[in-house]
C-alpha atoms as a PDB file:
ATOM      1  CA  MET A   1      52.470  27.078  77.087  1.00  0.00           C
ATOM      2  CA  LEU A   2      51.104  26.507  73.575  1.00  0.00           C
ATOM      3  CA  MET A   3      48.448  23.853  73.081  1.00  0.00           C
ATOM      4  CA  GLY A   4      45.666  23.003  70.684  1.00  0.00           C
ATOM      5  CA  HIS A   5      42.165  24.354  71.045  1.00  0.00           C
ATOM      6  CA  ARG A   6      39.963  22.541  73.559  1.00  0.00           C
ATOM      7  CA  LEU A   7      36.200  22.569  74.022  1.00  0.00           C
ATOM      8  CA  PHE A   8      34.030  21.140  76.788  1.00  0.00           C
ATOM      9  CA  VAL A   9      31.098  19.008  75.561  1.00  0.00           C
ATOM     10  CA  PRO A  10      29.363  17.088  78.381  1.00  0.00           C
ATOM     11  CA  GLU A  11      28.239  14.030  76.386  1.00  0.00           C
ATOM     12  CA  ILE A  12      30.454  12.626  73.632  1.00  0.00           C
ATOM     13  CA  SER A  13      30.361   9.420  71.544  1.00  0.00           C
ATOM     14  CA  ALA A  14      32.790   8.502  68.760  1.00  0.00           C
ATOM     15  CA  GLY A  15      31.271   9.084  65.333  1.00  0.00           C
ATOM     16  CA  GLN A  16      28.461  11.212  66.732  1.00  0.00           C
ATOM     17  CA  GLN A  17      27.552  14.571  65.234  1.00  0.00           C
ATOM     18  CA  HIS A  18      26.710  17.234  67.754  1.00  0.00           C
ATOM     19  CA  THR A  19      25.216  20.713  67.359  1.00  0.00           C
ATOM     20  CA  LEU A  20      26.486  23.218  69.882  1.00  0.00           C
ATOM     21  CA  ASP A  21      24.243  25.722  71.605  1.00  0.00           C
ATOM     22  CA  ALA A  22      24.536  29.426  70.811  1.00  0.00           C
ATOM     23  CA  GLU A  23      27.059  30.179  73.579  1.00  0.00           C
ATOM     24  CA  ARG A  24      29.368  27.283  72.707  1.00  0.00           C
ATOM     25  CA  SER A  25      29.020  28.036  68.991  1.00  0.00           C
ATOM     26  CA  HIS A  26      30.045  31.645  69.610  1.00  0.00           C
ATOM     27  CA  TYR A  27      33.084  30.480  71.566  1.00  0.00           C
ATOM     28  CA  LEU A  28      34.074  28.051  68.800  1.00  0.00           C
ATOM     29  CA  THR A  29      33.619  30.393  65.831  1.00  0.00           C
ATOM     30  CA  ARG A  30      34.199  33.854  67.291  1.00  0.00           C
ATOM     31  CA  VAL A  31      36.676  33.290  70.114  1.00  0.00           C
ATOM     32  CA  LEU A  32      38.655  30.301  68.827  1.00  0.00           C
ATOM     33  CA  ARG A  33      37.928  31.407  65.213  1.00  0.00           C
ATOM     34  CA  LEU A  34      37.627  27.848  63.937  1.00  0.00           C
ATOM     35  CA  LYS A  35      36.172  27.162  60.507  1.00  0.00           C
ATOM     36  CA  THR A  36      34.719  24.197  58.642  1.00  0.00           C
ATOM     37  CA  GLY A  37      37.304  21.402  58.468  1.00  0.00           C
ATOM     38  CA  ASP A  38      39.308  22.601  61.478  1.00  0.00           C
ATOM     39  CA  THR A  39      39.842  20.214  64.365  1.00  0.00           C
ATOM     40  CA  VAL A  40      39.419  20.761  68.072  1.00  0.00           C
ATOM     41  CA  THR A  41      39.965  18.537  71.116  1.00  0.00           C
ATOM     42  CA  CYS A  42      36.701  17.980  72.976  1.00  0.00           C
ATOM     43  CA  PHE A  43      36.519  16.651  76.516  1.00  0.00           C
ATOM     44  CA  ASP A  44      33.518  15.531  78.532  1.00  0.00           C
ATOM     45  CA  GLY A  45      34.686  16.774  81.926  1.00  0.00           C
ATOM     46  CA  SER A  46      34.971  13.208  83.221  1.00  0.00           C
ATOM     47  CA  GLY A  47      38.374  12.291  81.806  1.00  0.00           C
ATOM     48  CA  SER A  48      37.685  11.392  78.161  1.00  0.00           C
ATOM     49  CA  GLU A  49      39.039  13.393  75.204  1.00  0.00           C
ATOM     50  CA  TYR A  50      38.088  13.144  71.525  1.00  0.00           C
ATOM     51  CA  GLU A  51      39.244  14.855  68.358  1.00  0.00           C
ATOM     52  CA  ALA A  52      36.357  16.617  66.640  1.00  0.00           C
ATOM     53  CA  THR A  53      36.002  18.216  63.236  1.00  0.00           C
ATOM     54  CA  VAL A  54      34.026  21.394  62.639  1.00  0.00           C
ATOM     55  CA  ARG A  55      31.267  20.632  60.107  1.00  0.00           C
ATOM     56  CA  GLY A  56      30.045  24.148  59.468  1.00  0.00           C
ATOM     57  CA  SER A  57      27.220  26.052  61.050  1.00  0.00           C
ATOM     58  CA  ALA A  58      23.585  26.820  60.436  1.00  0.00           C
ATOM     59  CA  GLY A  59      22.756  30.301  61.669  1.00  0.00           C
ATOM     60  CA  LYS A  60      24.261  30.615  65.135  1.00  0.00           C
ATOM     61  CA  ALA A  61      24.628  26.852  65.739  1.00  0.00           C
ATOM     62  CA  ALA A  62      27.950  25.176  64.913  1.00  0.00           C
ATOM     63  CA  ALA A  63      28.183  21.413  64.329  1.00  0.00           C
ATOM     64  CA  LEU A  64      30.953  18.981  65.258  1.00  0.00           C
ATOM     65  CA  THR A  65      31.672  15.383  64.305  1.00  0.00           C
ATOM     66  CA  PHE A  66      33.541  13.418  66.965  1.00  0.00           C
ATOM     67  CA  GLY A  67      36.355  11.090  65.995  1.00  0.00           C
ATOM     68  CA  GLU A  68      37.819   8.298  68.073  1.00  0.00           C
ATOM     69  CA  LEU A  69      38.789   8.537  71.714  1.00  0.00           C
ATOM     70  CA  ILE A  70      42.286  10.046  71.887  1.00  0.00           C
ATOM     71  CA  GLY A  71      42.823  10.009  75.622  1.00  0.00           C
ATOM     72  CA  HIS A  72      41.293   9.008  78.924  1.00  0.00           C
ATOM     73  CA  HIS A  73      42.515  10.232  82.290  1.00  0.00           C
ATOM     74  CA  GLY A  74      41.812   8.654  85.650  1.00  0.00           C
ATOM     75  CA  PRO A  75      39.941  10.759  88.217  1.00  0.00           C
ATOM     76  CA  PRO A  76      42.044  13.367  90.022  1.00  0.00           C
ATOM     77  CA  LEU A  77      42.713  13.192  93.722  1.00  0.00           C
ATOM     78  CA  PRO A  78      39.793  14.934  95.476  1.00  0.00           C
ATOM     79  CA  LEU A  79      40.809  18.443  96.474  1.00  0.00           C
ATOM     80  CA  HIS A  80      37.934  20.449  97.904  1.00  0.00           C
ATOM     81  CA  LEU A  81      37.983  24.198  98.484  1.00  0.00           C
ATOM     82  CA  ALA A  82      35.415  25.491 100.970  1.00  0.00           C
ATOM     83  CA  LEU A  83      35.535  29.257 100.647  1.00  0.00           C
ATOM     84  CA  GLY A  84      33.684  31.914 102.593  1.00  0.00           C
ATOM     85  CA  TRP A  85      31.518  33.630  99.954  1.00  0.00           C
ATOM     86  CA  LEU A  86      33.493  36.653  98.740  1.00  0.00           C
ATOM     87  CA  LYS A  87      31.968  39.834  97.391  1.00  0.00           C
ATOM     88  CA  GLY A  88      32.261  41.217  93.881  1.00  0.00           C
ATOM     89  CA  ARG A  89      34.547  39.604  91.349  1.00  0.00           C
ATOM     90  CA  ALA A  90      36.845  38.080  93.953  1.00  0.00           C
ATOM     91  CA  MET A  91      34.797  34.874  93.875  1.00  0.00           C
ATOM     92  CA  ASP A  92      35.143  34.737  90.079  1.00  0.00           C
ATOM     93  CA  THR A  93      38.913  35.118  90.358  1.00  0.00           C
ATOM     94  CA  VAL A  94      39.267  32.349  92.921  1.00  0.00           C
ATOM     95  CA  THR A  95      37.003  30.016  90.933  1.00  0.00           C
ATOM     96  CA  GLN A  96      39.113  30.472  87.812  1.00  0.00           C
ATOM     97  CA  LYS A  97      42.527  30.223  89.453  1.00  0.00           C
ATOM     98  CA  ALA A  98      41.576  27.410  91.845  1.00  0.00           C
ATOM     99  CA  THR A  99      40.387  25.401  88.834  1.00  0.00           C
ATOM    100  CA  GLU A 100      43.777  25.940  87.203  1.00  0.00           C
ATOM    101  CA  LEU A 101      45.393  24.765  90.459  1.00  0.00           C
ATOM    102  CA  GLY A 102      43.503  21.477  90.453  1.00  0.00           C
ATOM    103  CA  ILE A 103      40.509  21.642  92.782  1.00  0.00           C
ATOM    104  CA  THR A 104      37.808  19.057  92.174  1.00  0.00           C
ATOM    105  CA  ASP A 105      35.065  20.734  94.207  1.00  0.00           C
ATOM    106  CA  LEU A 106      34.234  24.316  95.148  1.00  0.00           C
ATOM    107  CA  TRP A 107      31.921  24.927  98.099  1.00  0.00           C
ATOM    108  CA  PRO A 108      30.819  28.546  98.651  1.00  0.00           C
ATOM    109  CA  ILE A 109      30.271  28.938 102.391  1.00  0.00           C
ATOM    110  CA  THR A 110      27.829  31.441 103.856  1.00  0.00           C
ATOM    111  CA  ALA A 111      30.136  32.336 106.714  1.00  0.00           C
ATOM    112  CA  ALA A 112      29.201  34.680 109.557  1.00  0.00           C
ATOM    113  CA  ARG A 113      31.444  37.439 108.164  1.00  0.00           C
ATOM    114  CA  SER A 114      30.644  37.037 104.466  1.00  0.00           C
ATOM    115  CA  ASN A 115      29.877  40.481 103.035  1.00  0.00           C
ATOM    116  CA  VAL A 116      27.239  39.183 100.618  1.00  0.00           C
ATOM    117  CA  ARG A 117      23.469  39.443 100.717  1.00  0.00           C
ATOM    118  CA  ILE A 118      22.033  35.976 100.199  1.00  0.00           C
ATOM    119  CA  ASN A 119      18.809  35.311  98.308  1.00  0.00           C
ATOM    120  CA  THR A 120      17.566  32.291  96.380  1.00  0.00           C
ATOM    121  CA  SER A 121      17.402  33.873  92.923  1.00  0.00           C
ATOM    122  CA  ARG A 122      20.892  35.301  93.228  1.00  0.00           C
ATOM    123  CA  THR A 123      22.307  32.031  94.544  1.00  0.00           C
ATOM    124  CA  THR A 124      21.043  29.999  91.576  1.00  0.00           C
ATOM    125  CA  GLY A 125      22.459  32.461  89.084  1.00  0.00           C
ATOM    126  CA  ARG A 126      25.821  32.737  90.797  1.00  0.00           C
ATOM    127  CA  VAL A 127      26.360  28.974  90.957  1.00  0.00           C
ATOM    128  CA  ALA A 128      25.680  28.684  87.201  1.00  0.00           C
ATOM    129  CA  HIS A 129      28.050  31.617  86.600  1.00  0.00           C
ATOM    130  CA  TRP A 130      30.862  30.058  88.644  1.00  0.00           C
ATOM    131  CA  GLN A 131      30.355  26.699  86.951  1.00  0.00           C
ATOM    132  CA  LYS A 132      30.857  28.365  83.563  1.00  0.00           C
ATOM    133  CA  ILE A 133      34.048  29.965  84.829  1.00  0.00           C
ATOM    134  CA  ALA A 134      35.280  26.532  85.969  1.00  0.00           C
ATOM    135  CA  ILE A 135      34.479  25.089  82.527  1.00  0.00           C
ATOM    136  CA  HIS A 136      36.363  27.839  80.685  1.00  0.00           C
ATOM    137  CA  ALA A 137      39.332  27.546  83.055  1.00  0.00           C
ATOM    138  CA  SER A 138      39.406  23.770  82.460  1.00  0.00           C
ATOM    139  CA  GLU A 139      39.399  24.330  78.695  1.00  0.00           C
ATOM    140  CA  GLN A 140      42.285  26.768  78.901  1.00  0.00           C
ATOM    141  CA  SER A 141      44.406  24.851  81.439  1.00  0.00           C
ATOM    142  CA  ASN A 142      44.315  21.458  79.686  1.00  0.00           C
ATOM    143  CA  ARG A 143      42.290  19.779  82.432  1.00  0.00           C
ATOM    144  CA  ALA A 144      40.233  16.729  81.483  1.00  0.00           C
ATOM    145  CA  PHE A 145      37.957  17.072  84.506  1.00  0.00           C
ATOM    146  CA  VAL A 146      35.714  20.023  85.361  1.00  0.00           C
ATOM    147  CA  PRO A 147      35.353  20.894  89.054  1.00  0.00           C
ATOM    148  CA  THR A 148      31.899  20.747  90.593  1.00  0.00           C
ATOM    149  CA  VAL A 149      30.591  24.021  92.003  1.00  0.00           C
ATOM    150  CA  HIS A 150      28.202  23.187  94.831  1.00  0.00           C
ATOM    151  CA  GLU A 151      25.259  25.185  96.071  1.00  0.00           C
ATOM    152  CA  PRO A 152      26.248  27.652  98.805  1.00  0.00           C
ATOM    153  CA  THR A 153      25.850  26.185 102.250  1.00  0.00           C
ATOM    154  CA  ASP A 154      26.649  27.010 105.855  1.00  0.00           C
ATOM    155  CA  LEU A 155      29.738  25.707 107.592  1.00  0.00           C
ATOM    156  CA  SER A 156      27.885  23.104 109.666  1.00  0.00           C
ATOM    157  CA  SER A 157      26.257  21.547 106.611  1.00  0.00           C
ATOM    158  CA  TYR A 158      29.534  21.532 104.728  1.00  0.00           C
ATOM    159  CA  LEU A 159      31.389  19.795 107.560  1.00  0.00           C
ATOM    160  CA  ALA A 160      28.663  17.150 107.744  1.00  0.00           C
ATOM    161  CA  ALA A 161      28.655  16.597 103.959  1.00  0.00           C
ATOM    162  CA  THR A 162      32.429  16.054 103.844  1.00  0.00           C
ATOM    163  CA  ALA A 163      32.884  14.258 107.150  1.00  0.00           C
ATOM    164  CA  SER A 164      35.183  11.608 105.644  1.00  0.00           C
ATOM    165  CA  LEU A 165      37.690  14.093 104.203  1.00  0.00           C
ATOM    166  CA  PRO A 166      40.780  15.258 106.115  1.00  0.00           C
ATOM    167  CA  LYS A 167      40.365  19.010 106.588  1.00  0.00           C
ATOM    168  CA  PHE A 168      42.697  21.966 106.952  1.00  0.00           C
ATOM    169  CA  ILE A 169      41.512  25.443 107.849  1.00  0.00           C
ATOM    170  CA  LEU A 170      43.539  28.578 107.182  1.00  0.00           C
ATOM    171  CA  GLN A 171      44.051  30.674 110.271  1.00  0.00           C
ATOM    172  CA  PRO A 172      46.676  33.424 110.782  1.00  0.00           C
ATOM    173  CA  GLY A 173      49.313  32.554 113.355  1.00  0.00           C
ATOM    174  CA  SER A 174      49.032  28.798 112.842  1.00  0.00           C
ATOM    175  CA  SER A 175      51.827  26.447 111.802  1.00  0.00           C
ATOM    176  CA  PRO A 176      52.721  26.429 108.081  1.00  0.00           C
ATOM    177  CA  LEU A 177      51.996  23.606 105.654  1.00  0.00           C
ATOM    178  CA  ASN A 178      53.610  20.344 106.698  1.00  0.00           C
ATOM    179  CA  PRO A 179      56.345  19.498 104.162  1.00  0.00           C
ATOM    180  CA  ASP A 180      55.537  15.812 104.725  1.00  0.00           C
ATOM    181  CA  LEU A 181      51.890  16.269 103.724  1.00  0.00           C
ATOM    182  CA  PRO A 182      50.794  12.936 102.214  1.00  0.00           C
ATOM    183  CA  ARG A 183      49.236  12.902  98.765  1.00  0.00           C
ATOM    184  CA  GLN A 184      45.676  12.165  99.793  1.00  0.00           C
ATOM    185  CA  ALA A 185      42.161  13.536  99.343  1.00  0.00           C
ATOM    186  CA  LEU A 186      41.665  16.645 101.445  1.00  0.00           C
ATOM    187  CA  ALA A 187      39.539  19.725 102.000  1.00  0.00           C
ATOM    188  CA  LEU A 188      40.851  23.252 102.463  1.00  0.00           C
ATOM    189  CA  LEU A 189      38.697  25.763 104.329  1.00  0.00           C
ATOM    190  CA  VAL A 190      39.339  29.479 103.801  1.00  0.00           C
ATOM    191  CA  GLY A 191      37.319  32.254 105.418  1.00  0.00           C
ATOM    192  CA  PRO A 192      35.747  35.359 103.839  1.00  0.00           C
ATOM    193  CA  GLU A 193      37.170  38.897 103.954  1.00  0.00           C
ATOM    194  CA  GLY A 194      36.614  39.179 107.703  1.00  0.00           C
ATOM    195  CA  GLY A 195      37.959  35.720 108.500  1.00  0.00           C
ATOM    196  CA  TRP A 196      36.367  32.977 110.542  1.00  0.00           C
ATOM    197  CA  THR A 197      34.655  33.680 113.864  1.00  0.00           C
ATOM    198  CA  GLU A 198      35.823  31.900 116.995  1.00  0.00           C
ATOM    199  CA  ASP A 199      32.647  29.800 116.941  1.00  0.00           C
ATOM    200  CA  GLU A 200      33.330  28.712 113.354  1.00  0.00           C
ATOM    201  CA  LEU A 201      36.923  27.831 114.215  1.00  0.00           C
ATOM    202  CA  ARG A 202      35.824  25.770 117.215  1.00  0.00           C
ATOM    203  CA  HIS A 203      33.211  24.005 115.103  1.00  0.00           C
ATOM    204  CA  ALA A 204      35.744  23.193 112.392  1.00  0.00           C
ATOM    205  CA  ARG A 205      38.289  21.907 114.884  1.00  0.00           C
ATOM    206  CA  ALA A 206      35.631  19.750 116.526  1.00  0.00           C
ATOM    207  CA  ALA A 207      35.029  18.217 113.077  1.00  0.00           C
ATOM    208  CA  GLY A 208      38.734  17.357 112.829  1.00  0.00           C
ATOM    209  CA  ALA A 209      40.039  20.362 110.869  1.00  0.00           C
ATOM    210  CA  VAL A 210      43.701  21.190 111.453  1.00  0.00           C
ATOM    211  CA  ALA A 211      44.732  24.878 111.429  1.00  0.00           C
ATOM    212  CA  TRP A 212      47.299  25.994 108.857  1.00  0.00           C
ATOM    213  CA  GLY A 213      49.031  29.344 108.487  1.00  0.00           C
ATOM    214  CA  LEU A 214      50.685  31.130 105.563  1.00  0.00           C
ATOM    215  CA  GLY A 215      53.418  33.011 107.358  1.00  0.00           C
ATOM    216  CA  ASP A 216      53.481  36.462 108.920  1.00  0.00           C
ATOM    217  CA  TRP A 217      52.009  38.464 106.036  1.00  0.00           C
ATOM    218  CA  ILE A 218      48.323  39.235 105.766  1.00  0.00           C
ATOM    219  CA  LEU A 219      46.901  38.011 102.447  1.00  0.00           C
ATOM    220  CA  ARG A 220      43.704  39.154 100.784  1.00  0.00           C
ATOM    221  CA  ALA A 221      40.783  36.747 100.933  1.00  0.00           C
ATOM    222  CA  GLU A 222      41.173  35.909  97.230  1.00  0.00           C
ATOM    223  CA  THR A 223      44.956  35.448  97.517  1.00  0.00           C
ATOM    224  CA  ALA A 224      45.070  33.142 100.539  1.00  0.00           C
ATOM    225  CA  PRO A 225      43.297  30.119  98.992  1.00  0.00           C
ATOM    226  CA  LEU A 226      45.441  30.308  95.850  1.00  0.00           C
ATOM    227  CA  ALA A 227      48.660  30.489  97.866  1.00  0.00           C
ATOM    228  CA  ALA A 228      47.561  27.492  99.941  1.00  0.00           C
ATOM    229  CA  LEU A 229      46.509  25.471  96.897  1.00  0.00           C
ATOM    230  CA  ALA A 230      49.805  26.185  95.159  1.00  0.00           C
ATOM    231  CA  GLY A 231      51.614  25.035  98.297  1.00  0.00           C
ATOM    232  CA  ILE A 232      49.615  21.802  98.388  1.00  0.00           C
ATOM    233  CA  ARG A 233      50.256  21.092  94.710  1.00  0.00           C
ATOM    234  CA  GLN A 234      53.977  21.777  95.193  1.00  0.00           C
ATOM    235  CA  LEU A 235      54.120  19.277  98.048  1.00  0.00           C
ATOM    236  CA  TRP A 236      52.268  16.799  95.836  1.00  0.00           C
ATOM    237  CA  GLY A 237      54.822  17.249  93.060  1.00  0.00           C
ATOM    238  CA  TRP A 238      52.255  18.971  90.802  1.00  0.00           C
ATOM    239  CA  ARG A 239      50.581  15.635  90.078  1.00  0.00           C
END
């Protein structure tokens, strides 16, 4: 689907001039190939969209002037994805595609069977990396809101932090998505490559999570959450 260029800028005011940092300037001038006088839709990640005009660049820094507010969208229905931390680029893929499919929050879970070595320095860098992926996916998919990527946490902490949300946990052999699923805030829990342990499943069920299945086929860890999210959005009428 064709659409105009879009750029995420976290703080926007009508009439304000804003100088982009080096990374955003590179994206504007080298990737989007915009020049002085061109226009671009800027959004703040919280629902507001403005038309901006490129006002040239000094060195590696490009400047924009924001026009009037051209659109404001109400907050999306909360749709959380709690995902067992996947290895390699699989986590990048899910972050990008899950953003396109409408999640509002991504929670990396340090599950018992996650095949990832956890350390503080790596964790900080990975969260920033995934947040950038979510921003770029929001720019490209016409979303006005940017999902929040949370710090990795264990399953117990996640369940406590989202106690008020209805929860569904993917588990092979369970009943498929309910076609009468109401359009309401919810959390989807998907395990890592090795799946959830029995202890994790018991803990999730004790916290109110309902088991869902995706049929008889075995899906890769990066495919399962996307299939489930697409199913949820279909039942919600893609709203």
